Each structure stands twice: as C-alpha cells, then as structure tokens.
Amino acid sequence: MTFASQMDAALEEARAAALRGEVPVGAVITDPAGRIVARAGNRTRELADPTAHAEILALRAACAAAGSERLPGHAIWVTLEPCAMCAAAIGLARLARLHWGADDPKGGGVRHGARVFSHAQCHHRPDLYGGHSEAACAALLRDFFAGLRQS
C-alpha cells in the first residue's frame, strides 16, 4: 500500500465545522487499505454535547460501520492534536496510527498536556505522526478565532 495523506479530507470537515460556528476541527478514519470509512467535524454546540469532538464522532461512525468497538489497522487523521479525552478514545479503539496537523499546546493530550500515550496505564499506543499540513490546519484555527474576536 502506498502512503496517502487524508489531511485534505479532514480539513474539509474542519471548514464545514467552522461554517456551522463550531471550532474548526475535522477528523477522518481510514481502514487498513487506506479507504475513508468515517469523517466528522466538531459538533459540540450543535448537539449541546461536550463530547461531540470530531474524533469522537468519527470513531462512533467507524465503529458502527465495523460492528466493533475496536478498529485495528485503522488510522485517524485530525487537524488538531487530540485532547486527552479523544486521545484516550483513540487508544481504546486500538487505532494503529494517529496523524494530526497543528499541535495544541493549550489543550492537546498527545504531545502536550496529559500525554495520554506516555502513561503506564495506557494499554494501546498508536504510532504518532504530527505536523501533517500543519500550516493550513493552524491557519484555519487562527482565522476562526480572530473572526470571533472581531465580532
């Protein structure tokens, strides 16, 4: 299998989230063959659900499609470093790889903050790859929050 980034699809989901007034984070899950099996953007405000992060929604859809709570061999592509909640869910789902765009020094749970996958209590650690389309992912977030400050 040839490596193909799915960050463009995750960015599409993030842009759609921004248009809904949500923090622009998008996630895409691919199967072991690299095919997209789920995609989502943040919907916390729309659903009045603090757990409705892009990663959680994509995991729910991918698990439902697979008929299993575990997704071995799958990968997730996220525009922003996952928070601790999402990182823990990614580990529980046994995803093989986590790819993200922009780092999140304030709320990240992988490279920053809780560093979920570095704890002895973590039962599964996906392969970690940060910095995919980092400039585009960071610009989307920066522009979104700049627009809020100007409103």
N, C-alpha and C. Protein backbone atom coordinates (compact mmCIF):
# COMPACT_ATOMS: atom_id res chain seq x y z
N MET A 1 0.84 -1.18 0.00
CA MET A 1 0.00 0.00 0.00
C MET A 1 0.88 1.25 0.00
N THR A 2 0.57 2.20 -0.83
CA THR A 2 1.27 3.46 -0.91
C THR A 2 0.68 4.44 0.09
N PHE A 3 1.54 5.18 0.78
CA PHE A 3 1.07 6.16 1.75
C PHE A 3 0.35 7.30 1.04
N ALA A 4 -0.82 7.65 1.55
CA ALA A 4 -1.58 8.79 1.03
C ALA A 4 -2.15 9.55 2.21
N SER A 5 -1.86 10.82 2.29
CA SER A 5 -2.39 11.65 3.37
C SER A 5 -3.88 11.89 3.16
N GLN A 6 -4.63 11.84 4.23
CA GLN A 6 -6.06 12.15 4.19
C GLN A 6 -6.35 13.47 4.91
N MET A 7 -5.29 14.28 5.11
CA MET A 7 -5.49 15.53 5.83
C MET A 7 -6.37 16.50 5.05
N ASP A 8 -6.36 16.45 3.72
CA ASP A 8 -7.24 17.33 2.95
C ASP A 8 -8.71 17.05 3.29
N ALA A 9 -9.06 15.78 3.42
CA ALA A 9 -10.44 15.43 3.79
C ALA A 9 -10.76 15.90 5.21
N ALA A 10 -9.80 15.77 6.12
CA ALA A 10 -10.00 16.26 7.49
C ALA A 10 -10.18 17.78 7.49
N LEU A 11 -9.40 18.47 6.66
CA LEU A 11 -9.54 19.93 6.55
C LEU A 11 -10.91 20.31 6.00
N GLU A 12 -11.45 19.54 5.08
CA GLU A 12 -12.81 19.80 4.57
C GLU A 12 -13.82 19.74 5.71
N GLU A 13 -13.67 18.73 6.56
CA GLU A 13 -14.57 18.60 7.71
C GLU A 13 -14.40 19.77 8.68
N ALA A 14 -13.18 20.21 8.88
CA ALA A 14 -12.91 21.34 9.77
C ALA A 14 -13.53 22.62 9.22
N ARG A 15 -13.41 22.85 7.91
CA ARG A 15 -14.02 24.04 7.30
C ARG A 15 -15.54 24.01 7.43
N ALA A 16 -16.13 22.83 7.25
CA ALA A 16 -17.58 22.70 7.41
C ALA A 16 -17.99 22.98 8.85
N ALA A 17 -17.19 22.55 9.80
CA ALA A 17 -17.46 22.83 11.21
C ALA A 17 -17.45 24.34 11.46
N ALA A 18 -16.46 25.02 10.91
CA ALA A 18 -16.37 26.48 11.08
C ALA A 18 -17.61 27.17 10.54
N LEU A 19 -18.10 26.71 9.39
CA LEU A 19 -19.31 27.30 8.81
C LEU A 19 -20.53 27.09 9.71
N ARG A 20 -20.51 26.06 10.53
CA ARG A 20 -21.60 25.82 11.49
C ARG A 20 -21.38 26.58 12.80
N GLY A 21 -20.27 27.32 12.89
CA GLY A 21 -19.97 28.06 14.11
C GLY A 21 -19.25 27.24 15.16
N GLU A 22 -18.77 26.07 14.75
CA GLU A 22 -18.03 25.19 15.66
C GLU A 22 -16.54 25.46 15.53
N VAL A 23 -15.78 25.12 16.57
CA VAL A 23 -14.32 25.20 16.47
C VAL A 23 -13.91 24.29 15.31
N PRO A 24 -13.14 24.82 14.36
CA PRO A 24 -12.85 24.08 13.13
C PRO A 24 -11.83 22.96 13.30
N VAL A 25 -12.33 21.82 13.75
CA VAL A 25 -11.52 20.61 13.85
C VAL A 25 -12.24 19.54 13.05
N GLY A 26 -11.47 18.83 12.22
CA GLY A 26 -12.03 17.75 11.42
C GLY A 26 -11.23 16.48 11.61
N ALA A 27 -11.91 15.34 11.45
CA ALA A 27 -11.26 14.04 11.59
C ALA A 27 -11.76 13.09 10.52
N VAL A 28 -10.85 12.23 10.07
CA VAL A 28 -11.15 11.21 9.08
C VAL A 28 -10.53 9.91 9.56
N ILE A 29 -11.25 8.82 9.43
CA ILE A 29 -10.71 7.50 9.79
C ILE A 29 -10.61 6.66 8.52
N THR A 30 -9.46 6.02 8.35
CA THR A 30 -9.24 5.16 7.19
C THR A 30 -9.07 3.72 7.64
N ASP A 31 -9.49 2.80 6.77
CA ASP A 31 -9.34 1.38 7.07
C ASP A 31 -7.91 0.94 6.72
N PRO A 32 -7.56 -0.31 6.98
CA PRO A 32 -6.19 -0.76 6.71
C PRO A 32 -5.74 -0.59 5.24
N ALA A 33 -6.70 -0.53 4.32
CA ALA A 33 -6.35 -0.32 2.91
C ALA A 33 -6.24 1.16 2.55
N GLY A 34 -6.51 2.05 3.52
CA GLY A 34 -6.40 3.48 3.28
C GLY A 34 -7.68 4.16 2.81
N ARG A 35 -8.79 3.43 2.78
CA ARG A 35 -10.07 4.00 2.35
C ARG A 35 -10.73 4.72 3.52
N ILE A 36 -11.33 5.87 3.25
CA ILE A 36 -12.04 6.61 4.28
C ILE A 36 -13.31 5.85 4.66
N VAL A 37 -13.45 5.55 5.95
CA VAL A 37 -14.64 4.85 6.44
C VAL A 37 -15.51 5.74 7.33
N ALA A 38 -14.98 6.86 7.79
CA ALA A 38 -15.76 7.80 8.61
C ALA A 38 -15.10 9.16 8.56
N ARG A 39 -15.92 10.17 8.69
CA ARG A 39 -15.42 11.55 8.71
C ARG A 39 -16.38 12.39 9.52
N ALA A 40 -15.83 13.40 10.20
CA ALA A 40 -16.68 14.25 11.03
C ALA A 40 -15.94 15.54 11.36
N GLY A 41 -16.72 16.52 11.73
CA GLY A 41 -16.20 17.77 12.26
C GLY A 41 -16.83 18.01 13.61
N ASN A 42 -16.27 18.93 14.37
CA ASN A 42 -16.81 19.24 15.69
C ASN A 42 -18.29 19.59 15.60
N ARG A 43 -19.06 19.15 16.59
CA ARG A 43 -20.49 19.46 16.68
C ARG A 43 -20.91 19.67 18.14
N THR A 44 -20.00 20.16 18.97
CA THR A 44 -20.31 20.30 20.39
C THR A 44 -21.45 21.29 20.63
N ARG A 45 -21.45 22.41 19.94
CA ARG A 45 -22.51 23.41 20.13
C ARG A 45 -23.82 22.93 19.51
N GLU A 46 -23.75 22.44 18.30
CA GLU A 46 -24.95 21.98 17.60
C GLU A 46 -25.69 20.90 18.38
N LEU A 47 -24.94 19.96 18.94
CA LEU A 47 -25.54 18.84 19.66
C LEU A 47 -25.64 19.09 21.17
N ALA A 48 -25.14 20.24 21.63
CA ALA A 48 -25.10 20.54 23.07
C ALA A 48 -24.48 19.36 23.81
N ASP A 49 -23.33 18.93 23.30
CA ASP A 49 -22.66 17.74 23.81
C ASP A 49 -21.16 18.00 23.88
N PRO A 50 -20.61 18.12 25.08
CA PRO A 50 -19.18 18.42 25.19
C PRO A 50 -18.28 17.30 24.66
N THR A 51 -18.84 16.12 24.43
CA THR A 51 -18.03 15.02 23.89
C THR A 51 -18.12 14.92 22.37
N ALA A 52 -18.85 15.80 21.73
CA ALA A 52 -19.05 15.72 20.28
C ALA A 52 -17.89 16.33 19.51
N HIS A 53 -16.68 15.95 19.90
CA HIS A 53 -15.48 16.36 19.16
C HIS A 53 -15.42 15.56 17.86
N ALA A 54 -14.73 16.10 16.88
CA ALA A 54 -14.62 15.44 15.57
C ALA A 54 -14.13 14.01 15.70
N GLU A 55 -13.12 13.79 16.54
CA GLU A 55 -12.54 12.45 16.68
C GLU A 55 -13.56 11.47 17.25
N ILE A 56 -14.30 11.88 18.26
CA ILE A 56 -15.29 11.01 18.90
C ILE A 56 -16.39 10.66 17.91
N LEU A 57 -16.89 11.66 17.18
CA LEU A 57 -17.94 11.40 16.20
C LEU A 57 -17.46 10.47 15.09
N ALA A 58 -16.24 10.67 14.62
CA ALA A 58 -15.68 9.79 13.59
C ALA A 58 -15.49 8.38 14.13
N LEU A 59 -15.01 8.26 15.37
CA LEU A 59 -14.85 6.94 15.98
C LEU A 59 -16.19 6.22 16.10
N ARG A 60 -17.22 6.93 16.52
CA ARG A 60 -18.55 6.32 16.66
C ARG A 60 -19.03 5.78 15.30
N ALA A 61 -18.85 6.59 14.26
CA ALA A 61 -19.31 6.18 12.93
C ALA A 61 -18.50 4.99 12.41
N ALA A 62 -17.19 5.03 12.59
CA ALA A 62 -16.33 3.94 12.10
C ALA A 62 -16.61 2.65 12.86
N CYS A 63 -16.80 2.74 14.16
CA CYS A 63 -17.10 1.54 14.96
C CYS A 63 -18.46 0.97 14.58
N ALA A 64 -19.44 1.84 14.36
CA ALA A 64 -20.76 1.37 13.94
C ALA A 64 -20.67 0.65 12.59
N ALA A 65 -19.92 1.22 11.66
CA ALA A 65 -19.76 0.60 10.34
C ALA A 65 -19.05 -0.75 10.44
N ALA A 66 -18.08 -0.84 11.34
CA ALA A 66 -17.31 -2.08 11.50
C ALA A 66 -18.04 -3.10 12.38
N GLY A 67 -19.02 -2.64 13.15
CA GLY A 67 -19.71 -3.52 14.07
C GLY A 67 -18.83 -3.97 15.22
N SER A 68 -17.90 -3.09 15.61
CA SER A 68 -16.95 -3.43 16.66
C SER A 68 -16.49 -2.16 17.36
N GLU A 69 -16.13 -2.29 18.64
CA GLU A 69 -15.58 -1.14 19.37
C GLU A 69 -14.09 -0.96 19.13
N ARG A 70 -13.51 -1.85 18.38
CA ARG A 70 -12.07 -1.77 18.08
C ARG A 70 -11.85 -1.70 16.58
N LEU A 71 -10.84 -0.93 16.22
CA LEU A 71 -10.53 -0.68 14.81
C LEU A 71 -9.06 -0.97 14.52
N PRO A 72 -8.62 -2.19 14.71
CA PRO A 72 -7.21 -2.50 14.45
C PRO A 72 -6.84 -2.24 12.99
N GLY A 73 -5.65 -1.71 12.79
CA GLY A 73 -5.18 -1.43 11.44
C GLY A 73 -5.67 -0.11 10.87
N HIS A 74 -6.62 0.52 11.53
CA HIS A 74 -7.17 1.79 11.05
C HIS A 74 -6.28 2.96 11.47
N ALA A 75 -6.47 4.08 10.79
CA ALA A 75 -5.74 5.31 11.12
C ALA A 75 -6.74 6.46 11.25
N ILE A 76 -6.39 7.43 12.05
CA ILE A 76 -7.20 8.64 12.17
C ILE A 76 -6.34 9.83 11.78
N TRP A 77 -6.96 10.74 11.06
CA TRP A 77 -6.34 11.98 10.60
C TRP A 77 -7.12 13.12 11.23
N VAL A 78 -6.47 13.97 12.02
CA VAL A 78 -7.15 15.04 12.74
C VAL A 78 -6.39 16.34 12.49
N THR A 79 -7.14 17.42 12.31
CA THR A 79 -6.49 18.70 12.01
C THR A 79 -5.79 19.32 13.20
N LEU A 80 -6.16 18.91 14.42
CA LEU A 80 -5.56 19.46 15.64
C LEU A 80 -5.18 18.31 16.57
N GLU A 81 -4.06 18.44 17.23
CA GLU A 81 -3.64 17.44 18.22
C GLU A 81 -4.82 17.10 19.13
N PRO A 82 -5.17 15.83 19.26
CA PRO A 82 -6.32 15.46 20.09
C PRO A 82 -6.15 15.83 21.56
N CYS A 83 -7.27 16.18 22.18
CA CYS A 83 -7.29 16.43 23.62
C CYS A 83 -7.15 15.09 24.34
N ALA A 84 -7.05 15.14 25.65
CA ALA A 84 -6.89 13.92 26.43
C ALA A 84 -8.07 12.96 26.25
N MET A 85 -9.29 13.49 26.20
CA MET A 85 -10.47 12.64 26.02
C MET A 85 -10.39 11.89 24.69
N CYS A 86 -10.09 12.61 23.63
CA CYS A 86 -10.04 12.00 22.31
C CYS A 86 -8.86 11.05 22.17
N ALA A 87 -7.73 11.41 22.75
CA ALA A 87 -6.57 10.52 22.70
C ALA A 87 -6.89 9.21 23.41
N ALA A 88 -7.55 9.28 24.57
CA ALA A 88 -7.92 8.06 25.28
C ALA A 88 -8.86 7.21 24.45
N ALA A 89 -9.83 7.84 23.79
CA ALA A 89 -10.77 7.10 22.95
C ALA A 89 -10.07 6.44 21.77
N ILE A 90 -9.10 7.13 21.19
CA ILE A 90 -8.32 6.57 20.08
C ILE A 90 -7.57 5.33 20.55
N GLY A 91 -7.01 5.39 21.74
CA GLY A 91 -6.33 4.24 22.30
C GLY A 91 -7.29 3.09 22.59
N LEU A 92 -8.45 3.40 23.15
CA LEU A 92 -9.44 2.37 23.47
C LEU A 92 -9.94 1.68 22.20
N ALA A 93 -10.02 2.43 21.11
CA ALA A 93 -10.46 1.85 19.84
C ALA A 93 -9.35 1.06 19.15
N ARG A 94 -8.15 1.11 19.69
CA ARG A 94 -7.00 0.36 19.18
C ARG A 94 -6.60 0.76 17.76
N LEU A 95 -6.75 2.06 17.45
CA LEU A 95 -6.31 2.54 16.14
C LEU A 95 -4.80 2.33 16.02
N ALA A 96 -4.36 2.01 14.82
CA ALA A 96 -2.93 1.74 14.59
C ALA A 96 -2.10 3.01 14.49
N ARG A 97 -2.70 4.07 13.90
CA ARG A 97 -1.94 5.30 13.66
C ARG A 97 -2.79 6.53 13.93
N LEU A 98 -2.15 7.54 14.49
CA LEU A 98 -2.76 8.84 14.71
C LEU A 98 -1.92 9.87 13.98
N HIS A 99 -2.56 10.57 13.05
CA HIS A 99 -1.92 11.66 12.30
C HIS A 99 -2.65 12.95 12.67
N TRP A 100 -1.91 14.00 13.00
CA TRP A 100 -2.57 15.28 13.26
C TRP A 100 -1.80 16.39 12.59
N GLY A 101 -2.50 17.52 12.44
CA GLY A 101 -1.94 18.68 11.77
C GLY A 101 -1.23 19.60 12.74
N ALA A 102 -2.00 20.50 13.36
CA ALA A 102 -1.43 21.50 14.26
C ALA A 102 -1.30 20.95 15.68
N ASP A 103 -0.22 21.31 16.34
CA ASP A 103 -0.07 20.99 17.76
C ASP A 103 -1.02 21.87 18.56
N ASP A 104 -1.38 21.42 19.75
CA ASP A 104 -2.26 22.18 20.64
C ASP A 104 -1.61 22.30 22.02
N PRO A 105 -0.73 23.30 22.19
CA PRO A 105 -0.04 23.46 23.48
C PRO A 105 -0.99 23.70 24.65
N LYS A 106 -2.18 24.28 24.41
CA LYS A 106 -3.12 24.57 25.49
C LYS A 106 -3.98 23.37 25.86
N GLY A 107 -4.45 22.63 24.88
CA GLY A 107 -5.43 21.58 25.16
C GLY A 107 -5.08 20.20 24.63
N GLY A 108 -3.90 20.07 24.06
CA GLY A 108 -3.52 18.78 23.49
C GLY A 108 -3.30 17.73 24.56
N GLY A 109 -3.50 16.48 24.17
CA GLY A 109 -3.32 15.39 25.11
C GLY A 109 -2.35 14.33 24.62
N VAL A 110 -1.62 14.64 23.55
CA VAL A 110 -0.68 13.68 22.96
C VAL A 110 0.75 14.16 23.15
N ARG A 111 1.10 15.25 22.52
CA ARG A 111 2.44 15.82 22.63
C ARG A 111 2.51 16.82 23.78
N HIS A 112 1.37 17.35 24.17
CA HIS A 112 1.28 18.36 25.23
C HIS A 112 0.35 17.86 26.33
N GLY A 113 0.27 18.61 27.41
CA GLY A 113 -0.70 18.33 28.46
C GLY A 113 -0.58 16.94 29.05
N ALA A 114 -1.67 16.19 29.00
CA ALA A 114 -1.76 14.89 29.66
C ALA A 114 -0.84 13.82 29.05
N ARG A 115 -0.47 13.98 27.80
CA ARG A 115 0.38 12.99 27.12
C ARG A 115 -0.12 11.56 27.39
N VAL A 116 -1.34 11.34 27.01
CA VAL A 116 -2.07 10.10 27.31
C VAL A 116 -1.29 8.84 26.98
N PHE A 117 -0.61 8.83 25.85
CA PHE A 117 0.04 7.60 25.41
C PHE A 117 1.36 7.31 26.10
N SER A 118 1.81 8.23 26.95
CA SER A 118 3.07 8.01 27.66
C SER A 118 2.87 7.39 29.04
N HIS A 119 1.63 7.23 29.47
CA HIS A 119 1.35 6.70 30.80
C HIS A 119 1.37 5.17 30.82
N ALA A 120 1.82 4.62 31.94
CA ALA A 120 1.85 3.17 32.10
C ALA A 120 0.45 2.56 32.02
N GLN A 121 -0.57 3.34 32.37
CA GLN A 121 -1.95 2.85 32.33
C GLN A 121 -2.50 2.75 30.91
N CYS A 122 -1.81 3.30 29.97
CA CYS A 122 -2.25 3.26 28.57
C CYS A 122 -2.00 1.85 28.03
N HIS A 123 -3.06 1.20 27.62
CA HIS A 123 -2.96 -0.19 27.15
C HIS A 123 -2.62 -0.30 25.67
N HIS A 124 -2.85 0.75 24.91
CA HIS A 124 -2.54 0.72 23.47
C HIS A 124 -2.00 2.08 23.05
N ARG A 125 -0.91 2.06 22.35
CA ARG A 125 -0.28 3.28 21.84
C ARG A 125 -0.22 3.21 20.32
N PRO A 126 -0.98 4.07 19.64
CA PRO A 126 -0.87 4.09 18.18
C PRO A 126 0.46 4.71 17.77
N ASP A 127 0.86 4.47 16.55
CA ASP A 127 2.01 5.19 16.00
C ASP A 127 1.57 6.65 15.85
N LEU A 128 2.42 7.59 16.23
CA LEU A 128 2.07 9.00 16.27
C LEU A 128 2.83 9.79 15.21
N TYR A 129 2.08 10.59 14.45
CA TYR A 129 2.67 11.41 13.39
C TYR A 129 2.04 12.80 13.42
N GLY A 130 2.75 13.78 13.92
CA GLY A 130 2.24 15.14 13.96
C GLY A 130 2.80 15.98 12.83
N GLY A 131 2.15 17.09 12.57
CA GLY A 131 2.65 18.08 11.62
C GLY A 131 2.18 17.94 10.19
N HIS A 132 1.20 17.08 9.90
CA HIS A 132 0.67 16.97 8.53
C HIS A 132 -0.11 18.24 8.19
N SER A 133 0.25 18.90 7.11
CA SER A 133 -0.43 20.13 6.68
C SER A 133 -0.58 21.11 7.85
N GLU A 134 0.46 21.17 8.66
CA GLU A 134 0.40 21.96 9.90
C GLU A 134 0.03 23.42 9.66
N ALA A 135 0.63 24.05 8.64
CA ALA A 135 0.37 25.47 8.39
C ALA A 135 -1.10 25.70 8.05
N ALA A 136 -1.67 24.86 7.21
CA ALA A 136 -3.08 25.02 6.82
C ALA A 136 -4.00 24.78 8.00
N CYS A 137 -3.70 23.78 8.80
CA CYS A 137 -4.53 23.47 9.97
C CYS A 137 -4.47 24.60 10.99
N ALA A 138 -3.28 25.10 11.25
CA ALA A 138 -3.12 26.19 12.22
C ALA A 138 -3.77 27.47 11.73
N ALA A 139 -3.65 27.77 10.44
CA ALA A 139 -4.24 28.98 9.88
C ALA A 139 -5.76 28.96 9.99
N LEU A 140 -6.36 27.80 9.76
CA LEU A 140 -7.81 27.68 9.87
C LEU A 140 -8.28 28.02 11.28
N LEU A 141 -7.59 27.49 12.27
CA LEU A 141 -7.94 27.78 13.66
C LEU A 141 -7.68 29.25 14.02
N ARG A 142 -6.52 29.74 13.61
CA ARG A 142 -6.16 31.13 13.91
C ARG A 142 -7.19 32.10 13.30
N ASP A 143 -7.56 31.87 12.04
CA ASP A 143 -8.52 32.74 11.37
C ASP A 143 -9.91 32.67 12.02
N PHE A 144 -10.31 31.47 12.42
CA PHE A 144 -11.60 31.29 13.08
C PHE A 144 -11.67 32.10 14.37
N PHE A 145 -10.65 31.98 15.21
CA PHE A 145 -10.67 32.68 16.49
C PHE A 145 -10.46 34.19 16.31
N ALA A 146 -9.71 34.59 15.30
CA ALA A 146 -9.56 36.03 15.01
C ALA A 146 -10.91 36.61 14.61
N GLY A 147 -11.68 35.87 13.85
CA GLY A 147 -13.01 36.32 13.45
C GLY A 147 -13.94 36.46 14.65
N LEU A 148 -13.84 35.57 15.61
CA LEU A 148 -14.66 35.68 16.82
C LEU A 148 -14.31 36.92 17.63
N ARG A 149 -13.01 37.21 17.71
CA ARG A 149 -12.57 38.38 18.48
C ARG A 149 -13.03 39.68 17.83
N GLN A 150 -13.18 39.68 16.51
CA GLN A 150 -13.60 40.89 15.79
C GLN A 150 -15.09 41.08 15.82
N SER A 151 -15.83 40.04 16.16
CA SER A 151 -17.31 40.13 16.15
C SER A 151 -17.83 40.92 17.31
